[in-house]
Amino acid sequence: MGKSLIHTKEGLVLSTIEVINDIGINNLSIRKVAMQQGVSEGAIFRHYKSKNELLLAVLDYYSKYDSDVFVTVQLNKLTAAESIHYCFNTYATYYENYSAITAITQIYEVLRYEPELRTKIDSLIAKRMNFMKGLIDDAITNNEIDPHVNSEQLATMMWGDFREICMQWRISELAFSLRDRVHEATSMFLDAFSVKHQ
């Protein structure tokens, strides 16, 4: 695959993210992506056969950062609690630097009604959940989090809060520091469920 083709395909993905960010998933169309990218609709269909195929590419782009975060966390030799902080801080930094990508965090439920997209969304969520659950389990094992804590429930709460903060950030038109708010929330969770507070 030639470099220009890769560049074009990635450009279409980035333009799709921008369109979703600007006008919402319900108003997304191939025509609007073409206008954003400055190409014909036919040019898009040469790379992606349908809007859903383009959205699958968007989800791949959105989740490609996950494996980098997971590997980096494991290589950093941090405590489990530090790893949890690092994970959320890394996502918050990425999103703060590329605010349009946070539009994708808000459309999971809409996309799940399309069977081919649902599988991708479910896999993405499960990988993030399982990774965080593993970090929480490690924190429990290392006596950083109370052993009575249900790690799956806490992972759900933390990811849910992260998504809510992203939504509030978007609603406020990026009026506060996403990183600071996420750091504060992560600290509150870890403090509330730490061994010393039980």
Protein backbone atom coordinates (compact mmCIF):
# COMPACT_ATOMS: atom_id res chain seq x y z
CA MET A 1 0.00 0.00 0.00
CA GLY A 2 1.49 3.29 -1.08
CA LYS A 3 2.29 6.11 1.30
CA SER A 4 -0.17 8.47 -0.41
CA LEU A 5 -2.99 5.93 -0.04
CA ILE A 6 -2.27 5.54 3.69
CA HIS A 7 -2.11 9.31 4.02
CA THR A 8 -5.40 9.72 2.16
CA LYS A 9 -7.17 7.07 4.21
CA GLU A 10 -5.94 8.55 7.49
CA GLY A 11 -6.95 12.00 6.28
CA LEU A 12 -10.47 10.73 5.66
CA VAL A 13 -10.58 9.24 9.17
CA LEU A 14 -9.42 12.52 10.71
CA SER A 15 -11.95 14.47 8.65
CA THR A 16 -14.69 12.10 9.83
CA ILE A 17 -13.71 12.74 13.44
CA GLU A 18 -13.84 16.49 12.80
CA VAL A 19 -17.30 16.22 11.23
CA ILE A 20 -18.60 14.16 14.16
CA ASN A 21 -17.09 16.69 16.55
CA ASP A 22 -18.63 19.64 14.69
CA ILE A 23 -22.14 18.39 13.86
CA GLY A 24 -22.65 15.09 15.68
CA ILE A 25 -22.86 11.46 14.65
CA ASN A 26 -26.50 11.71 13.57
CA ASN A 27 -25.60 14.33 10.95
CA LEU A 28 -22.56 12.47 9.64
CA SER A 29 -22.63 11.68 5.93
CA ILE A 30 -20.09 10.74 3.28
CA ARG A 31 -20.93 14.01 1.53
CA LYS A 32 -20.00 16.06 4.61
CA VAL A 33 -16.75 14.15 5.08
CA ALA A 34 -15.93 14.77 1.41
CA MET A 35 -16.55 18.48 1.88
CA GLN A 36 -14.38 18.55 5.01
CA GLN A 37 -11.55 16.71 3.24
CA GLY A 38 -11.94 18.61 -0.03
CA VAL A 39 -12.47 15.50 -2.16
CA SER A 40 -15.34 13.96 -4.08
CA GLU A 41 -17.67 11.39 -2.53
CA GLY A 42 -16.39 8.94 -5.13
CA ALA A 43 -12.86 9.40 -3.80
CA ILE A 44 -14.04 8.29 -0.36
CA PHE A 45 -15.85 5.24 -1.77
CA ARG A 46 -12.62 4.16 -3.44
CA HIS A 47 -11.18 3.68 0.06
CA TYR A 48 -14.26 2.85 2.13
CA LYS A 49 -17.26 1.00 0.71
CA SER A 50 -19.77 2.45 3.17
CA LYS A 51 -20.19 4.92 6.01
CA ASN A 52 -19.99 2.03 8.47
CA GLU A 53 -16.66 0.92 7.03
CA LEU A 54 -15.38 4.47 7.48
CA LEU A 55 -16.68 4.46 11.07
CA LEU A 56 -14.87 1.17 11.72
CA ALA A 57 -11.68 2.89 10.59
CA VAL A 58 -12.47 5.78 12.95
CA LEU A 59 -12.86 3.33 15.85
CA ASP A 60 -9.58 1.64 14.91
CA TYR A 61 -7.88 5.03 14.93
CA TYR A 62 -9.53 5.94 18.24
CA SER A 63 -8.40 2.71 19.92
CA LYS A 64 -4.90 2.39 18.39
CA TYR A 65 -3.52 4.43 21.29
CA ASP A 66 -4.73 1.83 23.79
CA SER A 67 -2.00 -0.74 23.19
CA ASP A 68 0.68 1.97 23.50
CA VAL A 69 -0.76 3.08 26.85
CA PHE A 70 -1.04 -0.50 28.13
CA VAL A 71 2.53 -1.41 27.14
CA THR A 72 3.97 1.83 28.55
CA VAL A 73 2.19 1.29 31.87
CA GLN A 74 3.68 -2.20 32.12
CA LEU A 75 7.20 -1.02 31.21
CA ASN A 76 7.26 1.90 33.65
CA LYS A 77 7.66 -0.25 36.77
CA LEU A 78 5.20 1.90 38.73
CA THR A 79 3.10 0.86 41.69
CA ALA A 80 -0.41 -0.25 40.77
CA ALA A 81 -1.92 3.02 42.03
CA GLU A 82 0.67 5.03 40.09
CA SER A 83 -0.14 2.97 36.99
CA ILE A 84 -3.85 3.82 37.33
CA HIS A 85 -2.96 7.51 37.61
CA TYR A 86 -0.61 7.23 34.64
CA CYS A 87 -3.23 5.53 32.50
CA PHE A 88 -5.94 8.15 33.04
CA ASN A 89 -3.46 11.03 32.86
CA THR A 90 -2.14 9.78 29.53
CA TYR A 91 -5.63 9.60 28.02
CA ALA A 92 -6.52 13.02 29.45
CA THR A 93 -3.34 14.54 27.98
CA TYR A 94 -4.02 12.99 24.58
CA TYR A 95 -7.64 14.18 24.59
CA GLU A 96 -6.70 17.64 25.80
CA ASN A 97 -4.26 17.95 22.89
CA TYR A 98 -6.77 16.55 20.38
CA SER A 99 -10.16 17.62 21.71
CA ALA A 100 -12.13 16.46 18.63
CA ILE A 101 -11.35 12.82 19.50
CA THR A 102 -13.46 13.14 22.65
CA ALA A 103 -16.53 13.21 20.39
CA ILE A 104 -15.95 9.48 19.92
CA THR A 105 -16.18 8.86 23.68
CA GLN A 106 -19.74 10.20 23.57
CA ILE A 107 -21.18 8.09 20.71
CA TYR A 108 -20.69 4.52 21.90
CA GLU A 109 -24.40 3.95 22.51
CA VAL A 110 -25.45 5.31 19.11
CA LEU A 111 -22.93 3.15 17.25
CA ARG A 112 -23.89 -0.03 19.11
CA TYR A 113 -27.16 -0.22 17.15
CA GLU A 114 -25.16 -1.14 14.04
CA PRO A 115 -24.12 -4.83 14.41
CA GLU A 116 -20.72 -4.47 12.68
CA LEU A 117 -19.89 -1.42 14.78
CA ARG A 118 -21.22 -2.96 17.99
CA THR A 119 -18.62 -5.73 17.91
CA LYS A 120 -15.81 -3.17 17.58
CA ILE A 121 -17.22 -0.94 20.35
CA ASP A 122 -17.77 -3.87 22.71
CA SER A 123 -14.22 -5.11 22.13
CA LEU A 124 -12.75 -1.63 22.69
CA ILE A 125 -14.66 -1.15 25.95
CA ALA A 126 -13.84 -4.68 27.17
CA LYS A 127 -10.10 -4.19 26.57
CA ARG A 128 -10.04 -0.92 28.48
CA MET A 129 -12.15 -2.35 31.29
CA ASN A 130 -10.06 -5.50 31.61
CA PHE A 131 -6.83 -3.53 31.67
CA MET A 132 -8.09 -1.22 34.43
CA LYS A 133 -9.55 -4.17 36.35
CA GLY A 134 -6.10 -5.81 36.20
CA LEU A 135 -4.45 -2.67 37.59
CA ILE A 136 -7.01 -2.51 40.40
CA ASP A 137 -6.48 -6.22 41.15
CA ASP A 138 -2.75 -5.51 41.37
CA ALA A 139 -3.45 -2.59 43.72
CA ILE A 140 -5.54 -4.91 45.92
CA THR A 141 -2.78 -7.54 45.92
CA ASN A 142 -0.21 -4.88 46.83
CA ASN A 143 -2.38 -3.62 49.69
CA GLU A 144 -2.97 -0.25 48.01
CA ILE A 145 -6.74 -0.79 47.67
CA ASP A 146 -9.00 -2.51 50.18
CA PRO A 147 -9.35 -6.25 49.43
CA HIS A 148 -13.15 -6.08 49.76
CA VAL A 149 -13.41 -3.80 46.72
CA ASN A 150 -14.96 -5.33 43.61
CA SER A 151 -12.34 -4.50 40.99
CA GLU A 152 -14.75 -4.80 38.07
CA GLN A 153 -17.21 -2.37 39.67
CA LEU A 154 -14.46 0.10 40.52
CA ALA A 155 -13.08 -0.07 36.96
CA THR A 156 -16.59 0.61 35.64
CA MET A 157 -16.98 3.57 37.98
CA MET A 158 -13.62 5.06 37.04
CA TRP A 159 -14.07 4.72 33.27
CA GLY A 160 -17.64 6.01 33.58
CA ASP A 161 -16.45 9.03 35.52
CA PHE A 162 -13.72 9.64 32.94
CA ARG A 163 -16.31 9.67 30.13
CA GLU A 164 -18.55 11.99 32.15
CA ILE A 165 -15.69 14.42 32.74
CA CYS A 166 -14.95 14.37 29.00
CA MET A 167 -18.60 15.18 28.31
CA GLN A 168 -18.60 18.04 30.83
CA TRP A 169 -15.40 19.35 29.27
CA ARG A 170 -17.02 19.33 25.83
CA ILE A 171 -20.22 20.98 27.12
CA SER A 172 -18.17 23.70 28.83
CA GLU A 173 -16.36 24.29 25.51
CA LEU A 174 -13.09 23.13 27.06
CA ALA A 175 -13.33 25.70 29.85
CA PHE A 176 -11.28 23.73 32.40
CA SER A 177 -8.18 21.58 32.42
CA LEU A 178 -9.20 18.05 31.51
CA ARG A 179 -5.97 16.69 32.94
CA ASP A 180 -6.46 18.43 36.30
CA ARG A 181 -10.07 17.30 36.62
CA VAL A 182 -9.22 13.69 35.70
CA HIS A 183 -6.26 13.67 38.09
CA GLU A 184 -8.47 14.95 40.90
CA ALA A 185 -11.14 12.32 40.20
CA THR A 186 -8.61 9.49 40.02
CA SER A 187 -7.07 10.61 43.31
CA MET A 188 -10.51 10.71 44.94
CA PHE A 189 -11.31 7.16 43.82
CA LEU A 190 -7.98 5.75 44.95
CA ASP A 191 -8.13 7.61 48.26
CA ALA A 192 -11.73 6.53 48.95
CA PHE A 193 -10.96 2.86 48.34
CA SER A 194 -7.47 2.74 49.81
CA VAL A 195 -6.69 0.40 52.68
CA LYS A 196 -6.06 3.26 55.11
CA HIS A 197 -9.63 4.52 54.71
CA GLN A 198 -11.35 1.18 55.30
